[in-house]
Structure formats: C-alpha cells, structure tokens
Amino acid sequence: SFGIACTRPQTQSLPGELVADADAALYKAKLA
C-alpha cells in the first residue's frame, strides 16, 4: 500500500509535513 504526498515547498514549510501527509495517506490506503 502507498501513501502519496506531493507539495510545493513554501518558505514556512517543514520537512516533516510532507512525511506526515504521506503517512496519513498510507493509513487511509490501509483502512480502505
């Protein structure tokens, strides 16, 4: 299963946000 996340980094972006987005998407894929 995959969690896919994509973003355009902004000045205020934190690296962990993209990982958190991908992890949340992975969780949704597994639940589905």
Full PDB file with SEQRES, HELIX, SHEET, SSBOND, CRYST1, ORIGX, SCALE, CONECT and MASTER records, all heavy atoms in Angstrom:
SEQRES   1 A   32  SER PHE GLY ILE ALA CYS THR ARG PRO GLN THR GLN SER          
SEQRES   2 A   32  LEU PRO GLY GLU LEU VAL ALA ASP ALA ASP ALA ALA LEU          
SEQRES   3 A   32  TYR LYS ALA LYS LEU ALA                                      
HELIX    1 AA1 PRO A   15  LEU A   31  1                                  17    
CRYST1    1.000    1.000    1.000  90.00  90.00  90.00 P 1           1          
ORIGX1      1.000000  0.000000  0.000000        0.00000                         
ORIGX2      0.000000  1.000000  0.000000        0.00000                         
ORIGX3      0.000000  0.000000  1.000000        0.00000                         
SCALE1      1.000000  0.000000  0.000000        0.00000                         
SCALE2      0.000000  1.000000  0.000000        0.00000                         
SCALE3      0.000000  0.000000  1.000000        0.00000                         
ATOM      1  N   SER A   1       0.860  -1.180   0.000  1.00  0.00           N  
ATOM      2  CA  SER A   1       0.000   0.000   0.000  1.00  0.00           C  
ATOM      3  C   SER A   1       0.891   1.223   0.000  1.00  0.00           C  
ATOM      4  O   SER A   1       1.998   1.198   0.539  1.00  0.00           O  
ATOM      5  CB  SER A   1      -0.897   0.013   1.238  1.00  0.00           C  
ATOM      6  OG  SER A   1      -1.788  -1.076   1.223  1.00  0.00           O  
ATOM      7  N   PHE A   2       0.406   2.294  -0.591  1.00  0.00           N  
ATOM      8  CA  PHE A   2       1.187   3.520  -0.712  1.00  0.00           C  
ATOM      9  C   PHE A   2       0.399   4.712  -0.196  1.00  0.00           C  
ATOM     10  O   PHE A   2      -0.805   4.804  -0.422  1.00  0.00           O  
ATOM     11  CB  PHE A   2       1.526   3.814  -2.184  1.00  0.00           C  
ATOM     12  CG  PHE A   2       2.495   2.863  -2.801  1.00  0.00           C  
ATOM     13  CD1 PHE A   2       2.057   1.698  -3.397  1.00  0.00           C  
ATOM     14  CD2 PHE A   2       3.850   3.147  -2.790  1.00  0.00           C  
ATOM     15  CE1 PHE A   2       2.951   0.820  -3.979  1.00  0.00           C  
ATOM     16  CE2 PHE A   2       4.752   2.276  -3.375  1.00  0.00           C  
ATOM     17  CZ  PHE A   2       4.305   1.114  -3.964  1.00  0.00           C  
ATOM     18  N   GLY A   3       1.101   5.611   0.438  1.00  0.00           N  
ATOM     19  CA  GLY A   3       0.592   6.940   0.732  1.00  0.00           C  
ATOM     20  C   GLY A   3       1.393   7.900  -0.117  1.00  0.00           C  
ATOM     21  O   GLY A   3       2.615   7.972   0.007  1.00  0.00           O  
ATOM     22  N   ILE A   4       0.729   8.589  -1.008  1.00  0.00           N  
ATOM     23  CA  ILE A   4       1.417   9.505  -1.919  1.00  0.00           C  
ATOM     24  C   ILE A   4       1.136  10.934  -1.470  1.00  0.00           C  
ATOM     25  O   ILE A   4      -0.019  11.315  -1.282  1.00  0.00           O  
ATOM     26  CB  ILE A   4       0.935   9.308  -3.369  1.00  0.00           C  
ATOM     27  CG1 ILE A   4       1.175   7.871  -3.822  1.00  0.00           C  
ATOM     28  CG2 ILE A   4       1.628  10.300  -4.303  1.00  0.00           C  
ATOM     29  CD1 ILE A   4       0.558   7.548  -5.177  1.00  0.00           C  
ATOM     30  N   ALA A   5       2.200  11.704  -1.307  1.00  0.00           N  
ATOM     31  CA  ALA A   5       2.057  13.106  -0.929  1.00  0.00           C  
ATOM     32  C   ALA A   5       2.919  13.950  -1.852  1.00  0.00           C  
ATOM     33  O   ALA A   5       4.015  13.550  -2.232  1.00  0.00           O  
ATOM     34  CB  ALA A   5       2.469  13.318   0.518  1.00  0.00           C  
ATOM     35  N   CYS A   6       2.399  15.081  -2.199  1.00  0.00           N  
ATOM     36  CA  CYS A   6       3.115  15.999  -3.088  1.00  0.00           C  
ATOM     37  C   CYS A   6       2.868  17.413  -2.589  1.00  0.00           C  
ATOM     38  O   CYS A   6       1.762  17.732  -2.154  1.00  0.00           O  
ATOM     39  CB  CYS A   6       2.572  15.838  -4.505  1.00  0.00           C  
ATOM     40  SG  CYS A   6       3.363  16.910  -5.716  1.00  0.00           S  
ATOM     41  N   THR A   7       3.886  18.217  -2.658  1.00  0.00           N  
ATOM     42  CA  THR A   7       3.726  19.603  -2.238  1.00  0.00           C  
ATOM     43  C   THR A   7       4.711  20.488  -2.962  1.00  0.00           C  
ATOM     44  O   THR A   7       5.728  20.017  -3.469  1.00  0.00           O  
ATOM     45  CB  THR A   7       3.908  19.742  -0.714  1.00  0.00           C  
ATOM     46  OG1 THR A   7       3.508  21.051  -0.323  1.00  0.00           O  
ATOM     47  CG2 THR A   7       5.329  19.479  -0.283  1.00  0.00           C  
ATOM     48  N   ARG A   8       4.400  21.749  -3.024  1.00  0.00           N  
ATOM     49  CA  ARG A   8       5.337  22.756  -3.489  1.00  0.00           C  
ATOM     50  C   ARG A   8       5.852  23.446  -2.230  1.00  0.00           C  
ATOM     51  O   ARG A   8       5.086  24.146  -1.559  1.00  0.00           O  
ATOM     52  CB  ARG A   8       4.643  23.755  -4.401  1.00  0.00           C  
ATOM     53  CG  ARG A   8       4.328  23.188  -5.749  1.00  0.00           C  
ATOM     54  CD  ARG A   8       3.736  24.276  -6.643  1.00  0.00           C  
ATOM     55  NE  ARG A   8       3.569  23.805  -7.987  1.00  0.00           N  
ATOM     56  CZ  ARG A   8       2.536  23.098  -8.429  1.00  0.00           C  
ATOM     57  NH1 ARG A   8       1.581  22.755  -7.589  1.00  0.00           N  
ATOM     58  NH2 ARG A   8       2.456  22.708  -9.680  1.00  0.00           N  
ATOM     59  N   PRO A   9       7.111  23.239  -1.893  1.00  0.00           N  
ATOM     60  CA  PRO A   9       7.631  23.815  -0.647  1.00  0.00           C  
ATOM     61  C   PRO A   9       7.471  25.335  -0.607  1.00  0.00           C  
ATOM     62  O   PRO A   9       7.662  26.019  -1.604  1.00  0.00           O  
ATOM     63  CB  PRO A   9       9.110  23.434  -0.662  1.00  0.00           C  
ATOM     64  CG  PRO A   9       9.192  22.263  -1.589  1.00  0.00           C  
ATOM     65  CD  PRO A   9       8.124  22.473  -2.620  1.00  0.00           C  
ATOM     66  N   GLN A  10       7.096  25.789   0.536  1.00  0.00           N  
ATOM     67  CA  GLN A  10       6.971  27.219   0.797  1.00  0.00           C  
ATOM     68  C   GLN A  10       8.015  27.597   1.848  1.00  0.00           C  
ATOM     69  O   GLN A  10       8.575  26.730   2.513  1.00  0.00           O  
ATOM     70  CB  GLN A  10       5.565  27.536   1.321  1.00  0.00           C  
ATOM     71  CG  GLN A  10       4.441  27.065   0.428  1.00  0.00           C  
ATOM     72  CD  GLN A  10       4.419  27.783  -0.910  1.00  0.00           C  
ATOM     73  OE1 GLN A  10       4.655  28.983  -0.971  1.00  0.00           O  
ATOM     74  NE2 GLN A  10       4.150  27.059  -1.983  1.00  0.00           N  
ATOM     75  N   THR A  11       8.247  28.857   2.020  1.00  0.00           N  
ATOM     76  CA  THR A  11       9.229  29.324   2.993  1.00  0.00           C  
ATOM     77  C   THR A  11       8.938  28.768   4.385  1.00  0.00           C  
ATOM     78  O   THR A  11       9.837  28.358   5.104  1.00  0.00           O  
ATOM     79  CB  THR A  11       9.236  30.865   3.051  1.00  0.00           C  
ATOM     80  OG1 THR A  11       9.460  31.361   1.736  1.00  0.00           O  
ATOM     81  CG2 THR A  11      10.312  31.376   3.977  1.00  0.00           C  
ATOM     82  N   GLN A  12       7.669  28.694   4.760  1.00  0.00           N  
ATOM     83  CA  GLN A  12       7.291  28.228   6.087  1.00  0.00           C  
ATOM     84  C   GLN A  12       7.114  26.711   6.166  1.00  0.00           C  
ATOM     85  O   GLN A  12       6.802  26.180   7.215  1.00  0.00           O  
ATOM     86  CB  GLN A  12       6.008  28.933   6.551  1.00  0.00           C  
ATOM     87  CG  GLN A  12       4.773  28.562   5.752  1.00  0.00           C  
ATOM     88  CD  GLN A  12       4.573  29.336   4.447  1.00  0.00           C  
ATOM     89  OE1 GLN A  12       5.475  30.027   3.984  1.00  0.00           O  
ATOM     90  NE2 GLN A  12       3.412  29.217   3.853  1.00  0.00           N  
ATOM     91  N   SER A  13       7.339  25.990   5.075  1.00  0.00           N  
ATOM     92  CA  SER A  13       7.173  24.537   5.060  1.00  0.00           C  
ATOM     93  C   SER A  13       8.215  23.855   5.942  1.00  0.00           C  
ATOM     94  O   SER A  13       9.369  24.270   5.980  1.00  0.00           O  
ATOM     95  CB  SER A  13       7.318  23.986   3.636  1.00  0.00           C  
ATOM     96  OG  SER A  13       6.315  24.474   2.805  1.00  0.00           O  
ATOM     97  N   LEU A  14       7.776  22.804   6.608  1.00  0.00           N  
ATOM     98  CA  LEU A  14       8.674  21.973   7.399  1.00  0.00           C  
ATOM     99  C   LEU A  14       8.810  20.614   6.729  1.00  0.00           C  
ATOM    100  O   LEU A  14       7.813  20.070   6.249  1.00  0.00           O  
ATOM    101  CB  LEU A  14       8.134  21.801   8.823  1.00  0.00           C  
ATOM    102  CG  LEU A  14       7.982  23.084   9.631  1.00  0.00           C  
ATOM    103  CD1 LEU A  14       7.285  22.799  10.957  1.00  0.00           C  
ATOM    104  CD2 LEU A  14       9.341  23.711   9.863  1.00  0.00           C  
ATOM    105  N   PRO A  15      10.012  20.032   6.693  1.00  0.00           N  
ATOM    106  CA  PRO A  15      10.209  18.739   6.026  1.00  0.00           C  
ATOM    107  C   PRO A  15       9.291  17.641   6.570  1.00  0.00           C  
ATOM    108  O   PRO A  15       8.806  16.813   5.822  1.00  0.00           O  
ATOM    109  CB  PRO A  15      11.675  18.409   6.300  1.00  0.00           C  
ATOM    110  CG  PRO A  15      12.324  19.708   6.595  1.00  0.00           C  
ATOM    111  CD  PRO A  15      11.263  20.564   7.225  1.00  0.00           C  
ATOM    112  N   GLY A  16       9.026  17.675   7.858  1.00  0.00           N  
ATOM    113  CA  GLY A  16       8.176  16.651   8.461  1.00  0.00           C  
ATOM    114  C   GLY A  16       6.735  16.686   7.989  1.00  0.00           C  
ATOM    115  O   GLY A  16       6.019  15.688   8.092  1.00  0.00           O  
ATOM    116  N   GLU A  17       6.273  17.817   7.458  1.00  0.00           N  
ATOM    117  CA  GLU A  17       4.891  17.925   6.992  1.00  0.00           C  
ATOM    118  C   GLU A  17       4.621  16.980   5.824  1.00  0.00           C  
ATOM    119  O   GLU A  17       3.575  16.345   5.765  1.00  0.00           O  
ATOM    120  CB  GLU A  17       4.574  19.361   6.587  1.00  0.00           C  
ATOM    121  CG  GLU A  17       4.533  20.320   7.753  1.00  0.00           C  
ATOM    122  CD  GLU A  17       4.358  21.769   7.329  1.00  0.00           C  
ATOM    123  OE1 GLU A  17       4.668  22.114   6.166  1.00  0.00           O  
ATOM    124  OE2 GLU A  17       3.922  22.560   8.183  1.00  0.00           O  
ATOM    125  N   LEU A  18       5.560  16.882   4.899  1.00  0.00           N  
ATOM    126  CA  LEU A  18       5.382  16.003   3.745  1.00  0.00           C  
ATOM    127  C   LEU A  18       5.347  14.542   4.193  1.00  0.00           C  
ATOM    128  O   LEU A  18       4.523  13.760   3.723  1.00  0.00           O  
ATOM    129  CB  LEU A  18       6.480  16.229   2.705  1.00  0.00           C  
ATOM    130  CG  LEU A  18       6.335  15.473   1.394  1.00  0.00           C  
ATOM    131  CD1 LEU A  18       5.030  15.839   0.690  1.00  0.00           C  
ATOM    132  CD2 LEU A  18       7.519  15.772   0.490  1.00  0.00           C  
ATOM    133  N   VAL A  19       6.225  14.184   5.120  1.00  0.00           N  
ATOM    134  CA  VAL A  19       6.242  12.821   5.661  1.00  0.00           C  
ATOM    135  C   VAL A  19       4.932  12.536   6.373  1.00  0.00           C  
ATOM    136  O   VAL A  19       4.332  11.464   6.203  1.00  0.00           O  
ATOM    137  CB  VAL A  19       7.441  12.609   6.606  1.00  0.00           C  
ATOM    138  CG1 VAL A  19       7.369  11.262   7.294  1.00  0.00           C  
ATOM    139  CG2 VAL A  19       8.752  12.752   5.842  1.00  0.00           C  
ATOM    140  N   ALA A  20       4.436  13.486   7.150  1.00  0.00           N  
ATOM    141  CA  ALA A  20       3.161  13.309   7.856  1.00  0.00           C  
ATOM    142  C   ALA A  20       2.007  13.142   6.877  1.00  0.00           C  
ATOM    143  O   ALA A  20       1.107  12.314   7.090  1.00  0.00           O  
ATOM    144  CB  ALA A  20       2.909  14.487   8.796  1.00  0.00           C  
ATOM    145  N   ASP A  21       2.021  13.908   5.790  1.00  0.00           N  
ATOM    146  CA  ASP A  21       0.978  13.781   4.769  1.00  0.00           C  
ATOM    147  C   ASP A  21       1.009  12.395   4.126  1.00  0.00           C  
ATOM    148  O   ASP A  21      -0.028  11.763   3.931  1.00  0.00           O  
ATOM    149  CB  ASP A  21       1.148  14.842   3.677  1.00  0.00           C  
ATOM    150  CG  ASP A  21       0.811  16.236   4.156  1.00  0.00           C  
ATOM    151  OD1 ASP A  21       0.226  16.385   5.243  1.00  0.00           O  
ATOM    152  OD2 ASP A  21       1.146  17.196   3.423  1.00  0.00           O  
ATOM    153  N   ALA A  22       2.204  11.929   3.787  1.00  0.00           N  
ATOM    154  CA  ALA A  22       2.344  10.605   3.173  1.00  0.00           C  
ATOM    155  C   ALA A  22       1.907   9.517   4.143  1.00  0.00           C  
ATOM    156  O   ALA A  22       1.231   8.562   3.753  1.00  0.00           O  
ATOM    157  CB  ALA A  22       3.784  10.377   2.718  1.00  0.00           C  
ATOM    158  N   ASP A  23       2.268   9.651   5.410  1.00  0.00           N  
ATOM    159  CA  ASP A  23       1.895   8.663   6.418  1.00  0.00           C  
ATOM    160  C   ASP A  23       0.381   8.626   6.614  1.00  0.00           C  
ATOM    161  O   ASP A  23      -0.217   7.551   6.716  1.00  0.00           O  
ATOM    162  CB  ASP A  23       2.608   8.971   7.733  1.00  0.00           C  
ATOM    163  CG  ASP A  23       2.522   7.830   8.715  1.00  0.00           C  
ATOM    164  OD1 ASP A  23       2.825   6.674   8.318  1.00  0.00           O  
ATOM    165  OD2 ASP A  23       2.147   8.065   9.885  1.00  0.00           O  
ATOM    166  N   ALA A  24      -0.261   9.783   6.648  1.00  0.00           N  
ATOM    167  CA  ALA A  24      -1.715   9.842   6.772  1.00  0.00           C  
ATOM    168  C   ALA A  24      -2.389   9.207   5.557  1.00  0.00           C  
ATOM    169  O   ALA A  24      -3.388   8.483   5.681  1.00  0.00           O  
ATOM    170  CB  ALA A  24      -2.182  11.288   6.947  1.00  0.00           C  
ATOM    171  N   ALA A  25      -1.841   9.453   4.375  1.00  0.00           N  
ATOM    172  CA  ALA A  25      -2.393   8.854   3.157  1.00  0.00           C  
ATOM    173  C   ALA A  25      -2.209   7.337   3.172  1.00  0.00           C  
ATOM    174  O   ALA A  25      -3.102   6.588   2.765  1.00  0.00           O  
ATOM    175  CB  ALA A  25      -1.741   9.461   1.921  1.00  0.00           C  
ATOM    176  N   LEU A  26      -1.065   6.867   3.651  1.00  0.00           N  
ATOM    177  CA  LEU A  26      -0.830   5.425   3.762  1.00  0.00           C  
ATOM    178  C   LEU A  26      -1.849   4.791   4.701  1.00  0.00           C  
ATOM    179  O   LEU A  26      -2.413   3.737   4.406  1.00  0.00           O  
ATOM    180  CB  LEU A  26       0.592   5.151   4.255  1.00  0.00           C  
ATOM    181  CG  LEU A  26       0.932   3.690   4.559  1.00  0.00           C  
ATOM    182  CD1 LEU A  26       0.785   2.821   3.320  1.00  0.00           C  
ATOM    183  CD2 LEU A  26       2.340   3.586   5.138  1.00  0.00           C  
ATOM    184  N   TYR A  27      -2.110   5.428   5.826  1.00  0.00           N  
ATOM    185  CA  TYR A  27      -3.088   4.931   6.788  1.00  0.00           C  
ATOM    186  C   TYR A  27      -4.464   4.813   6.130  1.00  0.00           C  
ATOM    187  O   TYR A  27      -5.159   3.815   6.291  1.00  0.00           O  
ATOM    188  CB  TYR A  27      -3.129   5.863   8.002  1.00  0.00           C  
ATOM    189  CG  TYR A  27      -4.086   5.430   9.071  1.00  0.00           C  
ATOM    190  CD1 TYR A  27      -3.780   4.356   9.909  1.00  0.00           C  
ATOM    191  CD2 TYR A  27      -5.290   6.093   9.261  1.00  0.00           C  
ATOM    192  CE1 TYR A  27      -4.661   3.955  10.895  1.00  0.00           C  
ATOM    193  CE2 TYR A  27      -6.173   5.703  10.254  1.00  0.00           C  
ATOM    194  CZ  TYR A  27      -5.861   4.636  11.065  1.00  0.00           C  
ATOM    195  OH  TYR A  27      -6.740   4.237  12.035  1.00  0.00           O  
ATOM    196  N   LYS A  28      -4.851   5.811   5.338  1.00  0.00           N  
ATOM    197  CA  LYS A  28      -6.136   5.771   4.640  1.00  0.00           C  
ATOM    198  C   LYS A  28      -6.167   4.639   3.614  1.00  0.00           C  
ATOM    199  O   LYS A  28      -7.196   3.979   3.439  1.00  0.00           O  
ATOM    200  CB  LYS A  28      -6.430   7.105   3.968  1.00  0.00           C  
ATOM    201  CG  LYS A  28      -6.756   8.199   4.962  1.00  0.00           C  
ATOM    202  CD  LYS A  28      -6.999   9.529   4.262  1.00  0.00           C  
ATOM    203  CE  LYS A  28      -7.292  10.616   5.277  1.00  0.00           C  
ATOM    204  NZ  LYS A  28      -7.520  11.925   4.642  1.00  0.00           N  
ATOM    205  N   ALA A  29      -5.053   4.408   2.921  1.00  0.00           N  
ATOM    206  CA  ALA A  29      -4.998   3.309   1.950  1.00  0.00           C  
ATOM    207  C   ALA A  29      -5.191   1.967   2.650  1.00  0.00           C  
ATOM    208  O   ALA A  29      -5.935   1.113   2.175  1.00  0.00           O  
ATOM    209  CB  ALA A  29      -3.665   3.332   1.202  1.00  0.00           C  
ATOM    210  N   LYS A  30      -4.542   1.801   3.789  1.00  0.00           N  
ATOM    211  CA  LYS A  30      -4.681   0.547   4.532  1.00  0.00           C  
ATOM    212  C   LYS A  30      -6.104   0.370   5.049  1.00  0.00           C  
ATOM    213  O   LYS A  30      -6.659  -0.730   5.001  1.00  0.00           O  
ATOM    214  CB  LYS A  30      -3.683   0.493   5.684  1.00  0.00           C  
ATOM    215  CG  LYS A  30      -2.247   0.297   5.222  1.00  0.00           C  
ATOM    216  CD  LYS A  30      -1.304   0.240   6.402  1.00  0.00           C  
ATOM    217  CE  LYS A  30       0.110  -0.063   5.978  1.00  0.00           C  
ATOM    218  NZ  LYS A  30       1.007  -0.164   7.140  1.00  0.00           N  
ATOM    219  N   LEU A  31      -6.718   1.447   5.532  1.00  0.00           N  
ATOM    220  CA  LEU A  31      -8.101   1.371   6.005  1.00  0.00           C  
ATOM    221  C   LEU A  31      -9.071   1.028   4.882  1.00  0.00           C  
ATOM    222  O   LEU A  31     -10.097   0.403   5.111  1.00  0.00           O  
ATOM    223  CB  LEU A  31      -8.524   2.694   6.649  1.00  0.00           C  
ATOM    224  CG  LEU A  31      -8.043   2.954   8.061  1.00  0.00           C  
ATOM    225  CD1 LEU A  31      -8.518   4.327   8.532  1.00  0.00           C  
ATOM    226  CD2 LEU A  31      -8.528   1.883   9.020  1.00  0.00           C  
ATOM    227  N   ALA A  32      -8.744   1.444   3.672  1.00  0.00           N  
ATOM    228  CA  ALA A  32      -9.617   1.199   2.520  1.00  0.00           C  
ATOM    229  C   ALA A  32      -9.494  -0.222   1.984  1.00  0.00           C  
ATOM    230  O   ALA A  32     -10.198  -0.593   1.059  1.00  0.00           O  
ATOM    231  CB  ALA A  32      -9.312   2.202   1.412  1.00  0.00           C  
TER     232      ALA A  32                                                      
MASTER        0    0    0    1    0    0    0    6  231    1    0    3          
END                                                                             
